[in-house]
Amino acid sequence: MVIFDEDRVRRYLSYEMLIPALEQALIRFSAGLVAQPVRSILGIPEHHGRFGLMPCTDGDMMGVKLVTVFEDNTSLPTHQAVIQLFSAMTGEPLAVLDGRLITEMRTAAVTAIAARLFTQARPLTVAILGSGVQARSHLAALRHVRELREIRVWSRTPENARAFASKTGAIPLPMEDAVRGADMVIGVANVSEPLIHGRHLSETAFVAAIAAVGASRRELDDEAMQASIIVESSEAARLESGDIMATGVPIYAELGEILAGKIALPSEGRRVVYKGLGIAVEDLAAARVVYEAAGGQAN
């Protein structure tokens, strides 16, 4: 069994390899070819933390991600993880991989897949709500699928927005100004109450809502949810998305169903909301990319 620390994961993981691998994993998932329960969550209330268990089997490989979310962390990342890979044929442990970067990149890569499906192939304006790790990774992933004409950023901490802007060429703006007229709105700010409001959104905007996972948490108001709702897993969304559970808005399709051509793209002229929660098959696919690119070796 080999071990990949974050530096070694970074050596073998790229969006060029990750995006197509995730597309195929999402197709297999929606076709029923992947065994994956909805994640289990253990709360650590005394430290404002959560501990998640995400197992999955896909073809000849199976794995489990052990992920922690400690939102009060300042000197450490809020999200940390370990992914264990096994042979699905023999049960043999194959590798242990640091999961922090994998989680970061696969989350952004799935948003990029959705953006390519639900936006026009022309230079676009993107509004990024948040200025942390996921803001940076989303911008990097989106640049692999669309030309970005203008990048806007909002953060509840203005100096963080300015720092993000200085590194990326984004324009720091008040939230309403950032969102109005944007072709894409990417919600990656840590929130529990609606931050994205329908009255600010274009009728044809693509919205990627990534920031709120959990039955009691929301990031979109009721008006913003009047849209074609796209998810990775319908089962997970009905249990883990407070936005969907609170509004009762129907799910239009899973990403894998649209990628496979089983369900047509939503009608043009209607807003699309991709509600991203993250599912285990994405972590397994990303870990497989690393493991196979390295030839099963950590060095």
C-alpha atoms as a PDB file:
ATOM      1  CA  MET A   1       0.000   0.000   0.000  1.00  0.00           C
ATOM      2  CA  VAL A   2       1.378   3.387  -1.009  1.00  0.00           C
ATOM      3  CA  ILE A   3       0.856   6.790   0.577  1.00  0.00           C
ATOM      4  CA  PHE A   4       0.379  10.075  -1.281  1.00  0.00           C
ATOM      5  CA  ASP A   5       0.808  13.266   0.695  1.00  0.00           C
ATOM      6  CA  GLU A   6      -0.582  16.511  -0.718  1.00  0.00           C
ATOM      7  CA  ASP A   7       2.582  17.387  -2.625  1.00  0.00           C
ATOM      8  CA  ARG A   8       2.486  14.027  -4.398  1.00  0.00           C
ATOM      9  CA  VAL A   9      -1.223  14.347  -5.119  1.00  0.00           C
ATOM     10  CA  ARG A  10      -0.556  17.766  -6.664  1.00  0.00           C
ATOM     11  CA  ARG A  11       2.161  16.280  -8.874  1.00  0.00           C
ATOM     12  CA  TYR A  12      -0.311  13.943 -10.596  1.00  0.00           C
ATOM     13  CA  LEU A  13      -3.645  15.796 -10.475  1.00  0.00           C
ATOM     14  CA  SER A  14      -4.614  18.323 -13.138  1.00  0.00           C
ATOM     15  CA  TYR A  15      -7.911  19.724 -14.388  1.00  0.00           C
ATOM     16  CA  GLU A  16      -7.073  18.422 -17.877  1.00  0.00           C
ATOM     17  CA  MET A  17      -7.171  14.868 -16.511  1.00  0.00           C
ATOM     18  CA  LEU A  18      -9.722  15.398 -13.766  1.00  0.00           C
ATOM     19  CA  ILE A  19     -12.596  16.958 -15.723  1.00  0.00           C
ATOM     20  CA  PRO A  20     -13.057  14.085 -18.213  1.00  0.00           C
ATOM     21  CA  ALA A  21     -12.622  11.493 -15.454  1.00  0.00           C
ATOM     22  CA  LEU A  22     -15.367  13.149 -13.417  1.00  0.00           C
ATOM     23  CA  GLU A  23     -17.680  13.368 -16.415  1.00  0.00           C
ATOM     24  CA  GLN A  24     -17.448   9.606 -16.881  1.00  0.00           C
ATOM     25  CA  ALA A  25     -17.871   8.974 -13.147  1.00  0.00           C
ATOM     26  CA  LEU A  26     -21.040  11.104 -13.048  1.00  0.00           C
ATOM     27  CA  ILE A  27     -22.441   9.267 -16.075  1.00  0.00           C
ATOM     28  CA  ARG A  28     -21.800   5.886 -14.433  1.00  0.00           C
ATOM     29  CA  PHE A  29     -23.309   7.095 -11.176  1.00  0.00           C
ATOM     30  CA  SER A  30     -26.549   8.248 -12.789  1.00  0.00           C
ATOM     31  CA  ALA A  31     -26.710   5.023 -14.818  1.00  0.00           C
ATOM     32  CA  GLY A  32     -26.748   3.011 -11.578  1.00  0.00           C
ATOM     33  CA  LEU A  33     -23.303   1.500 -12.129  1.00  0.00           C
ATOM     34  CA  VAL A  34     -21.841   2.894  -8.901  1.00  0.00           C
ATOM     35  CA  ALA A  35     -22.628   1.662  -5.377  1.00  0.00           C
ATOM     36  CA  GLN A  36     -22.686   4.671  -3.081  1.00  0.00           C
ATOM     37  CA  PRO A  37     -24.756   5.513  -0.018  1.00  0.00           C
ATOM     38  CA  VAL A  38     -25.433   9.091   1.025  1.00  0.00           C
ATOM     39  CA  ARG A  39     -22.612  10.227   3.309  1.00  0.00           C
ATOM     40  CA  SER A  40     -22.838   9.753   7.057  1.00  0.00           C
ATOM     41  CA  ILE A  41     -22.093  12.787   9.225  1.00  0.00           C
ATOM     42  CA  LEU A  42     -20.989  12.803  12.852  1.00  0.00           C
ATOM     43  CA  GLY A  43     -21.287  16.182  14.527  1.00  0.00           C
ATOM     44  CA  ILE A  44     -18.558  17.499  16.827  1.00  0.00           C
ATOM     45  CA  PRO A  45     -20.552  20.382  18.339  1.00  0.00           C
ATOM     46  CA  GLU A  46     -18.106  21.242  21.113  1.00  0.00           C
ATOM     47  CA  HIS A  47     -15.546  22.201  18.442  1.00  0.00           C
ATOM     48  CA  HIS A  48     -17.996  23.372  15.738  1.00  0.00           C
ATOM     49  CA  GLY A  49     -16.909  20.476  13.560  1.00  0.00           C
ATOM     50  CA  ARG A  50     -18.307  17.698  11.407  1.00  0.00           C
ATOM     51  CA  PHE A  51     -16.827  14.317  10.487  1.00  0.00           C
ATOM     52  CA  GLY A  52     -18.062  12.671   7.282  1.00  0.00           C
ATOM     53  CA  LEU A  53     -17.830   9.118   5.947  1.00  0.00           C
ATOM     54  CA  MET A  54     -18.138   8.721   2.149  1.00  0.00           C
ATOM     55  CA  PRO A  55     -17.728   5.158   0.769  1.00  0.00           C
ATOM     56  CA  CYS A  56     -18.104   4.158  -2.882  1.00  0.00           C
ATOM     57  CA  THR A  57     -17.503   1.259  -5.264  1.00  0.00           C
ATOM     58  CA  ASP A  58     -17.003   1.852  -8.991  1.00  0.00           C
ATOM     59  CA  GLY A  59     -15.855  -0.979 -11.219  1.00  0.00           C
ATOM     60  CA  ASP A  60     -12.614  -2.577 -10.063  1.00  0.00           C
ATOM     61  CA  MET A  61     -11.894  -0.008  -7.373  1.00  0.00           C
ATOM     62  CA  MET A  62     -13.547   1.064  -4.156  1.00  0.00           C
ATOM     63  CA  GLY A  63     -12.697   3.728  -1.677  1.00  0.00           C
ATOM     64  CA  VAL A  64     -13.774   5.795   1.249  1.00  0.00           C
ATOM     65  CA  LYS A  65     -13.178   9.423   2.077  1.00  0.00           C
ATOM     66  CA  LEU A  66     -12.934  10.469   5.698  1.00  0.00           C
ATOM     67  CA  VAL A  67     -13.507  14.208   5.705  1.00  0.00           C
ATOM     68  CA  THR A  68     -13.577  16.785   8.472  1.00  0.00           C
ATOM     69  CA  VAL A  69     -15.061  20.282   8.365  1.00  0.00           C
ATOM     70  CA  PHE A  70     -14.009  22.588  11.210  1.00  0.00           C
ATOM     71  CA  GLU A  71     -15.215  26.041  10.270  1.00  0.00           C
ATOM     72  CA  ASP A  72     -13.434  27.817  13.131  1.00  0.00           C
ATOM     73  CA  ASN A  73     -10.003  26.779  11.829  1.00  0.00           C
ATOM     74  CA  THR A  74      -7.722  29.695  11.062  1.00  0.00           C
ATOM     75  CA  SER A  75      -4.179  28.321  10.881  1.00  0.00           C
ATOM     76  CA  LEU A  76      -5.415  25.033   9.365  1.00  0.00           C
ATOM     77  CA  PRO A  77      -7.768  24.430   6.414  1.00  0.00           C
ATOM     78  CA  THR A  78     -11.443  24.208   7.342  1.00  0.00           C
ATOM     79  CA  HIS A  79     -11.782  21.058   5.171  1.00  0.00           C
ATOM     80  CA  GLN A  80      -9.332  18.175   5.612  1.00  0.00           C
ATOM     81  CA  ALA A  81      -9.595  14.605   4.391  1.00  0.00           C
ATOM     82  CA  VAL A  82      -8.002  11.220   3.781  1.00  0.00           C
ATOM     83  CA  ILE A  83      -9.019   8.860   0.969  1.00  0.00           C
ATOM     84  CA  GLN A  84      -8.359   5.116   1.194  1.00  0.00           C
ATOM     85  CA  LEU A  85      -8.392   3.104  -2.043  1.00  0.00           C
ATOM     86  CA  PHE A  86      -9.044  -0.656  -2.216  1.00  0.00           C
ATOM     87  CA  SER A  87      -9.268  -3.248  -4.958  1.00  0.00           C
ATOM     88  CA  ALA A  88     -12.946  -4.057  -5.451  1.00  0.00           C
ATOM     89  CA  MET A  89     -11.942  -7.514  -6.678  1.00  0.00           C
ATOM     90  CA  THR A  90      -9.871  -8.652  -3.706  1.00  0.00           C
ATOM     91  CA  GLY A  91     -10.427  -6.059  -0.992  1.00  0.00           C
ATOM     92  CA  GLU A  92      -6.693  -5.332  -0.969  1.00  0.00           C
ATOM     93  CA  PRO A  93      -5.769  -1.858   0.341  1.00  0.00           C
ATOM     94  CA  LEU A  94      -4.032  -0.012  -2.501  1.00  0.00           C
ATOM     95  CA  ALA A  95      -3.266   3.520  -1.377  1.00  0.00           C
ATOM     96  CA  VAL A  96      -3.906   6.261   1.128  1.00  0.00           C
ATOM     97  CA  LEU A  97      -4.148   9.763  -0.308  1.00  0.00           C
ATOM     98  CA  ASP A  98      -4.329  13.131   1.378  1.00  0.00           C
ATOM     99  CA  GLY A  99      -7.795  14.326   0.414  1.00  0.00           C
ATOM    100  CA  ARG A 100      -7.670  18.078   0.975  1.00  0.00           C
ATOM    101  CA  LEU A 101      -6.484  19.018  -2.524  1.00  0.00           C
ATOM    102  CA  ILE A 102      -8.605  16.302  -4.120  1.00  0.00           C
ATOM    103  CA  THR A 103     -11.700  17.729  -2.420  1.00  0.00           C
ATOM    104  CA  GLU A 104     -10.748  21.249  -3.485  1.00  0.00           C
ATOM    105  CA  MET A 105     -10.141  20.377  -7.126  1.00  0.00           C
ATOM    106  CA  ARG A 106     -12.924  17.876  -7.728  1.00  0.00           C
ATOM    107  CA  THR A 107     -15.479  20.330  -6.324  1.00  0.00           C
ATOM    108  CA  ALA A 108     -14.371  23.042  -8.726  1.00  0.00           C
ATOM    109  CA  ALA A 109     -14.048  20.612 -11.620  1.00  0.00           C
ATOM    110  CA  VAL A 110     -17.676  19.467 -11.297  1.00  0.00           C
ATOM    111  CA  THR A 111     -18.803  23.093 -11.308  1.00  0.00           C
ATOM    112  CA  ALA A 112     -16.767  23.590 -14.485  1.00  0.00           C
ATOM    113  CA  ILE A 113     -18.505  20.595 -16.065  1.00  0.00           C
ATOM    114  CA  ALA A 114     -21.870  22.134 -15.218  1.00  0.00           C
ATOM    115  CA  ALA A 115     -20.777  25.552 -16.486  1.00  0.00           C
ATOM    116  CA  ARG A 116     -19.779  24.076 -19.835  1.00  0.00           C
ATOM    117  CA  LEU A 117     -23.190  22.433 -20.146  1.00  0.00           C
ATOM    118  CA  PHE A 118     -25.323  25.389 -19.093  1.00  0.00           C
ATOM    119  CA  THR A 119     -23.544  28.473 -20.427  1.00  0.00           C
ATOM    120  CA  GLN A 120     -22.937  29.721 -23.930  1.00  0.00           C
ATOM    121  CA  ALA A 121     -19.556  29.278 -25.582  1.00  0.00           C
ATOM    122  CA  ARG A 122     -18.619  32.949 -25.609  1.00  0.00           C
ATOM    123  CA  PRO A 123     -16.664  35.302 -23.310  1.00  0.00           C
ATOM    124  CA  LEU A 124     -18.591  35.440 -20.034  1.00  0.00           C
ATOM    125  CA  THR A 125     -18.831  37.546 -16.894  1.00  0.00           C
ATOM    126  CA  VAL A 126     -18.514  35.568 -13.664  1.00  0.00           C
ATOM    127  CA  ALA A 127     -19.339  36.731 -10.145  1.00  0.00           C
ATOM    128  CA  ILE A 128     -17.581  34.787  -7.398  1.00  0.00           C
ATOM    129  CA  LEU A 129     -19.104  35.136  -3.944  1.00  0.00           C
ATOM    130  CA  GLY A 130     -16.280  34.251  -1.583  1.00  0.00           C
ATOM    131  CA  SER A 131     -12.528  34.731  -1.729  1.00  0.00           C
ATOM    132  CA  GLY A 132     -11.007  31.627  -0.179  1.00  0.00           C
ATOM    133  CA  VAL A 133      -9.739  28.252  -1.385  1.00  0.00           C
ATOM    134  CA  GLN A 134     -12.828  27.368  -3.397  1.00  0.00           C
ATOM    135  CA  ALA A 135     -12.951  30.809  -5.014  1.00  0.00           C
ATOM    136  CA  ARG A 136      -9.423  30.297  -6.326  1.00  0.00           C
ATOM    137  CA  SER A 137      -9.957  26.718  -7.458  1.00  0.00           C
ATOM    138  CA  HIS A 138     -13.272  27.539  -9.147  1.00  0.00           C
ATOM    139  CA  LEU A 139     -11.688  30.341 -11.107  1.00  0.00           C
ATOM    140  CA  ALA A 140      -8.891  28.020 -12.237  1.00  0.00           C
ATOM    141  CA  ALA A 141     -11.318  25.266 -13.262  1.00  0.00           C
ATOM    142  CA  LEU A 142     -13.722  27.619 -15.059  1.00  0.00           C
ATOM    143  CA  ARG A 143     -10.875  28.944 -17.172  1.00  0.00           C
ATOM    144  CA  HIS A 144     -10.491  25.436 -18.580  1.00  0.00           C
ATOM    145  CA  VAL A 145     -14.013  25.427 -20.034  1.00  0.00           C
ATOM    146  CA  ARG A 146     -14.941  29.061 -20.779  1.00  0.00           C
ATOM    147  CA  GLU A 147     -13.268  32.303 -21.719  1.00  0.00           C
ATOM    148  CA  LEU A 148     -13.902  34.794 -18.920  1.00  0.00           C
ATOM    149  CA  ARG A 149     -14.433  38.364 -20.088  1.00  0.00           C
ATOM    150  CA  GLU A 150     -14.830  39.835 -16.615  1.00  0.00           C
ATOM    151  CA  ILE A 151     -14.285  38.422 -13.136  1.00  0.00           C
ATOM    152  CA  ARG A 152     -16.084  39.993 -10.191  1.00  0.00           C
ATOM    153  CA  VAL A 153     -15.541  39.074  -6.566  1.00  0.00           C
ATOM    154  CA  TRP A 154     -17.382  39.755  -3.337  1.00  0.00           C
ATOM    155  CA  SER A 155     -16.315  38.809   0.174  1.00  0.00           C
ATOM    156  CA  ARG A 156     -17.806  39.653   3.541  1.00  0.00           C
ATOM    157  CA  THR A 157     -14.249  40.750   4.396  1.00  0.00           C
ATOM    158  CA  PRO A 158     -13.419  43.511   1.882  1.00  0.00           C
ATOM    159  CA  GLU A 159      -9.658  43.202   2.299  1.00  0.00           C
ATOM    160  CA  ASN A 160      -9.909  39.525   1.313  1.00  0.00           C
ATOM    161  CA  ALA A 161     -11.793  40.494  -1.833  1.00  0.00           C
ATOM    162  CA  ARG A 162      -9.118  43.054  -2.665  1.00  0.00           C
ATOM    163  CA  ALA A 163      -6.352  40.493  -2.093  1.00  0.00           C
ATOM    164  CA  PHE A 164      -8.138  37.992  -4.355  1.00  0.00           C
ATOM    165  CA  ALA A 165      -8.581  40.685  -6.977  1.00  0.00           C
ATOM    166  CA  SER A 166      -4.928  41.684  -6.920  1.00  0.00           C
ATOM    167  CA  LYS A 167      -3.872  38.082  -7.614  1.00  0.00           C
ATOM    168  CA  THR A 168      -6.482  37.217 -10.238  1.00  0.00           C
ATOM    169  CA  GLY A 169      -7.423  40.420 -12.048  1.00  0.00           C
ATOM    170  CA  ALA A 170     -10.928  40.332 -10.580  1.00  0.00           C
ATOM    171  CA  ILE A 171     -12.931  43.434  -9.731  1.00  0.00           C
ATOM    172  CA  PRO A 172     -13.996  43.656  -6.051  1.00  0.00           C
ATOM    173  CA  LEU A 173     -17.596  44.812  -5.811  1.00  0.00           C
ATOM    174  CA  PRO A 174     -20.536  44.936  -3.383  1.00  0.00           C
ATOM    175  CA  MET A 175     -22.496  41.704  -3.674  1.00  0.00           C
ATOM    176  CA  GLU A 176     -25.510  43.095  -5.513  1.00  0.00           C
ATOM    177  CA  ASP A 177     -23.279  44.857  -8.047  1.00  0.00           C
ATOM    178  CA  ALA A 178     -21.211  41.706  -8.532  1.00  0.00           C
ATOM    179  CA  VAL A 179     -24.257  39.544  -9.234  1.00  0.00           C
ATOM    180  CA  ARG A 180     -26.321  41.866 -11.430  1.00  0.00           C
ATOM    181  CA  GLY A 181     -25.866  41.043 -15.108  1.00  0.00           C
ATOM    182  CA  ALA A 182     -23.377  38.234 -14.469  1.00  0.00           C
ATOM    183  CA  ASP A 183     -23.569  35.240 -16.790  1.00  0.00           C
ATOM    184  CA  MET A 184     -22.308  32.948 -14.016  1.00  0.00           C
ATOM    185  CA  VAL A 185     -22.687  33.327 -10.256  1.00  0.00           C
ATOM    186  CA  ILE A 186     -20.501  31.038  -8.140  1.00  0.00           C
ATOM    187  CA  GLY A 187     -21.449  30.793  -4.459  1.00  0.00           C
ATOM    188  CA  VAL A 188     -18.493  29.593  -2.387  1.00  0.00           C
ATOM    189  CA  ALA A 189     -18.811  31.766   0.734  1.00  0.00           C
ATOM    190  CA  ASN A 190     -19.482  29.825   3.927  1.00  0.00           C
ATOM    191  CA  VAL A 191     -23.133  30.571   4.742  1.00  0.00           C
ATOM    192  CA  SER A 192     -26.142  29.095   6.507  1.00  0.00           C
ATOM    193  CA  GLU A 193     -28.751  31.646   5.395  1.00  0.00           C
ATOM    194  CA  PRO A 194     -29.560  32.746   1.833  1.00  0.00           C
ATOM    195  CA  LEU A 195     -26.867  34.905   0.290  1.00  0.00           C
ATOM    196  CA  ILE A 196     -27.934  34.650  -3.366  1.00  0.00           C
ATOM    197  CA  HIS A 197     -31.221  36.432  -4.065  1.00  0.00           C
ATOM    198  CA  GLY A 198     -33.326  35.943  -7.146  1.00  0.00           C
ATOM    199  CA  ARG A 199     -34.067  39.656  -7.506  1.00  0.00           C
ATOM    200  CA  HIS A 200     -30.392  40.268  -8.270  1.00  0.00           C
ATOM    201  CA  LEU A 201     -29.979  37.453 -10.806  1.00  0.00           C
ATOM    202  CA  SER A 202     -30.370  37.562 -14.550  1.00  0.00           C
ATOM    203  CA  GLU A 203     -33.206  35.369 -15.821  1.00  0.00           C
ATOM    204  CA  THR A 204     -30.655  33.391 -17.848  1.00  0.00           C
ATOM    205  CA  ALA A 205     -27.828  33.222 -15.313  1.00  0.00           C
ATOM    206  CA  PHE A 206     -26.054  30.005 -14.469  1.00  0.00           C
ATOM    207  CA  VAL A 207     -25.756  29.734 -10.685  1.00  0.00           C
ATOM    208  CA  ALA A 208     -23.426  27.267  -8.973  1.00  0.00           C
ATOM    209  CA  ALA A 209     -24.363  27.038  -5.303  1.00  0.00           C
ATOM    210  CA  ILE A 210     -21.586  25.164  -3.504  1.00  0.00           C
ATOM    211  CA  ALA A 211     -21.433  26.728  -0.058  1.00  0.00           C
ATOM    212  CA  ALA A 212     -24.277  25.233   1.995  1.00  0.00           C
ATOM    213  CA  VAL A 213     -24.402  21.496   2.678  1.00  0.00           C
ATOM    214  CA  GLY A 214     -26.916  20.219   5.214  1.00  0.00           C
ATOM    215  CA  ALA A 215     -30.647  20.014   5.723  1.00  0.00           C
ATOM    216  CA  SER A 216     -30.777  23.165   7.856  1.00  0.00           C
ATOM    217  CA  ARG A 217     -28.481  25.334   5.705  1.00  0.00           C
ATOM    218  CA  ARG A 218     -29.407  27.530   2.754  1.00  0.00           C
ATOM    219  CA  GLU A 219     -27.591  29.826   0.339  1.00  0.00           C
ATOM    220  CA  LEU A 220     -30.354  30.702  -2.150  1.00  0.00           C
ATOM    221  CA  ASP A 221     -33.642  32.439  -1.430  1.00  0.00           C
ATOM    222  CA  ASP A 222     -36.959  31.129  -2.720  1.00  0.00           C
ATOM    223  CA  GLU A 223     -36.905  33.382  -5.785  1.00  0.00           C
ATOM    224  CA  ALA A 224     -33.423  32.247  -6.794  1.00  0.00           C
ATOM    225  CA  MET A 225     -34.637  28.656  -6.588  1.00  0.00           C
ATOM    226  CA  GLN A 226     -37.241  29.285  -9.284  1.00  0.00           C
ATOM    227  CA  ALA A 227     -35.003  27.705 -11.873  1.00  0.00           C
ATOM    228  CA  SER A 228     -34.033  24.413 -13.482  1.00  0.00           C
ATOM    229  CA  ILE A 229     -32.331  22.612 -10.584  1.00  0.00           C
ATOM    230  CA  ILE A 230     -29.381  20.362 -11.431  1.00  0.00           C
ATOM    231  CA  VAL A 231     -27.676  18.087  -8.885  1.00  0.00           C
ATOM    232  CA  GLU A 232     -25.056  15.355  -8.761  1.00  0.00           C
ATOM    233  CA  SER A 233     -27.286  12.906  -6.846  1.00  0.00           C
ATOM    234  CA  SER A 234     -31.045  13.319  -6.452  1.00  0.00           C
ATOM    235  CA  GLU A 235     -31.006  11.077  -3.375  1.00  0.00           C
ATOM    236  CA  ALA A 236     -28.306  13.126  -1.680  1.00  0.00           C
ATOM    237  CA  ALA A 237     -29.913  16.432  -2.645  1.00  0.00           C
ATOM    238  CA  ARG A 238     -33.232  15.478  -1.057  1.00  0.00           C
ATOM    239  CA  LEU A 239     -31.452  14.677   2.206  1.00  0.00           C
ATOM    240  CA  GLU A 240     -28.592  17.187   2.301  1.00  0.00           C
ATOM    241  CA  SER A 241     -29.726  20.356   0.527  1.00  0.00           C
ATOM    242  CA  GLY A 242     -31.644  22.774   2.709  1.00  0.00           C
ATOM    243  CA  ASP A 243     -32.364  24.869  -0.383  1.00  0.00           C
ATOM    244  CA  ILE A 244     -34.189  22.008  -2.090  1.00  0.00           C
ATOM    245  CA  MET A 245     -35.811  20.638   1.056  1.00  0.00           C
ATOM    246  CA  ALA A 246     -37.166  24.006   2.205  1.00  0.00           C
ATOM    247  CA  THR A 247     -38.596  25.087  -1.147  1.00  0.00           C
ATOM    248  CA  GLY A 248     -39.783  21.759  -2.527  1.00  0.00           C
ATOM    249  CA  VAL A 249     -38.615  22.843  -5.982  1.00  0.00           C
ATOM    250  CA  PRO A 250     -38.373  19.784  -8.245  1.00  0.00           C
ATOM    251  CA  ILE A 251     -35.004  18.529  -9.417  1.00  0.00           C
ATOM    252  CA  TYR A 252     -34.719  18.797 -13.183  1.00  0.00           C
ATOM    253  CA  ALA A 253     -31.910  16.277 -13.633  1.00  0.00           C
ATOM    254  CA  GLU A 254     -28.657  14.849 -12.392  1.00  0.00           C
ATOM    255  CA  LEU A 255     -25.525  16.006 -14.169  1.00  0.00           C
ATOM    256  CA  GLY A 256     -24.780  12.460 -15.269  1.00  0.00           C
ATOM    257  CA  GLU A 257     -28.184  12.138 -16.940  1.00  0.00           C
ATOM    258  CA  ILE A 258     -27.538  15.237 -19.040  1.00  0.00           C
ATOM    259  CA  LEU A 259     -23.939  14.259 -19.824  1.00  0.00           C
ATOM    260  CA  ALA A 260     -25.194  10.873 -21.067  1.00  0.00           C
ATOM    261  CA  GLY A 261     -27.904  12.484 -23.189  1.00  0.00           C
ATOM    262  CA  LYS A 262     -30.687  10.749 -21.280  1.00  0.00           C
ATOM    263  CA  ILE A 263     -32.278  14.084 -20.356  1.00  0.00           C
ATOM    264  CA  ALA A 264     -32.169  17.128 -22.616  1.00  0.00           C
ATOM    265  CA  LEU A 265     -30.659  20.423 -21.591  1.00  0.00           C
ATOM    266  CA  PRO A 266     -33.135  22.763 -19.872  1.00  0.00           C
ATOM    267  CA  SER A 267     -35.025  25.201 -22.052  1.00  0.00           C
ATOM    268  CA  GLU A 268     -33.068  28.242 -23.161  1.00  0.00           C
ATOM    269  CA  GLY A 269     -34.033  31.487 -21.484  1.00  0.00           C
ATOM    270  CA  ARG A 270     -34.487  29.895 -18.071  1.00  0.00           C
ATOM    271  CA  ARG A 271     -32.084  30.231 -15.154  1.00  0.00           C
ATOM    272  CA  VAL A 272     -30.151  27.090 -14.189  1.00  0.00           C
ATOM    273  CA  VAL A 273     -29.078  26.418 -10.604  1.00  0.00           C
ATOM    274  CA  TYR A 274     -26.475  23.732 -10.049  1.00  0.00           C
ATOM    275  CA  LYS A 275     -26.707  22.767  -6.379  1.00  0.00           C
ATOM    276  CA  GLY A 276     -23.369  21.116  -5.632  1.00  0.00           C
ATOM    277  CA  LEU A 277     -23.003  18.913  -2.571  1.00  0.00           C
ATOM    278  CA  GLY A 278     -20.099  16.644  -3.470  1.00  0.00           C
ATOM    279  CA  ILE A 279     -20.459  12.868  -3.713  1.00  0.00           C
ATOM    280  CA  ALA A 280     -18.090   9.995  -3.039  1.00  0.00           C
ATOM    281  CA  VAL A 281     -17.730   8.806  -6.641  1.00  0.00           C
ATOM    282  CA  GLU A 282     -16.054  12.131  -7.447  1.00  0.00           C
ATOM    283  CA  ASP A 283     -13.422  11.563  -4.765  1.00  0.00           C
ATOM    284  CA  LEU A 284     -12.891   8.003  -5.920  1.00  0.00           C
ATOM    285  CA  ALA A 285     -12.492   9.132  -9.547  1.00  0.00           C
ATOM    286  CA  ALA A 286      -9.995  11.830  -8.584  1.00  0.00           C
ATOM    287  CA  ALA A 287      -8.010   9.457  -6.373  1.00  0.00           C
ATOM    288  CA  ARG A 288      -7.950   6.910  -9.200  1.00  0.00           C
ATOM    289  CA  VAL A 289      -6.517   9.570 -11.542  1.00  0.00           C
ATOM    290  CA  VAL A 290      -3.661  10.169  -9.108  1.00  0.00           C
ATOM    291  CA  TYR A 291      -3.050   6.490  -8.368  1.00  0.00           C
ATOM    292  CA  GLU A 292      -3.018   5.434 -12.026  1.00  0.00           C
ATOM    293  CA  ALA A 293      -0.967   8.438 -13.197  1.00  0.00           C
ATOM    294  CA  ALA A 294       1.648   7.496 -10.620  1.00  0.00           C
ATOM    295  CA  GLY A 295       1.622   3.885 -11.753  1.00  0.00           C
ATOM    296  CA  GLY A 296       0.609   2.792  -8.274  1.00  0.00           C
ATOM    297  CA  GLN A 297       3.749   4.307  -6.802  1.00  0.00           C
ATOM    298  CA  ALA A 298       3.969   7.152  -4.301  1.00  0.00           C
ATOM    299  CA  ASN A 299       7.295   8.448  -5.649  1.00  0.00           C
END
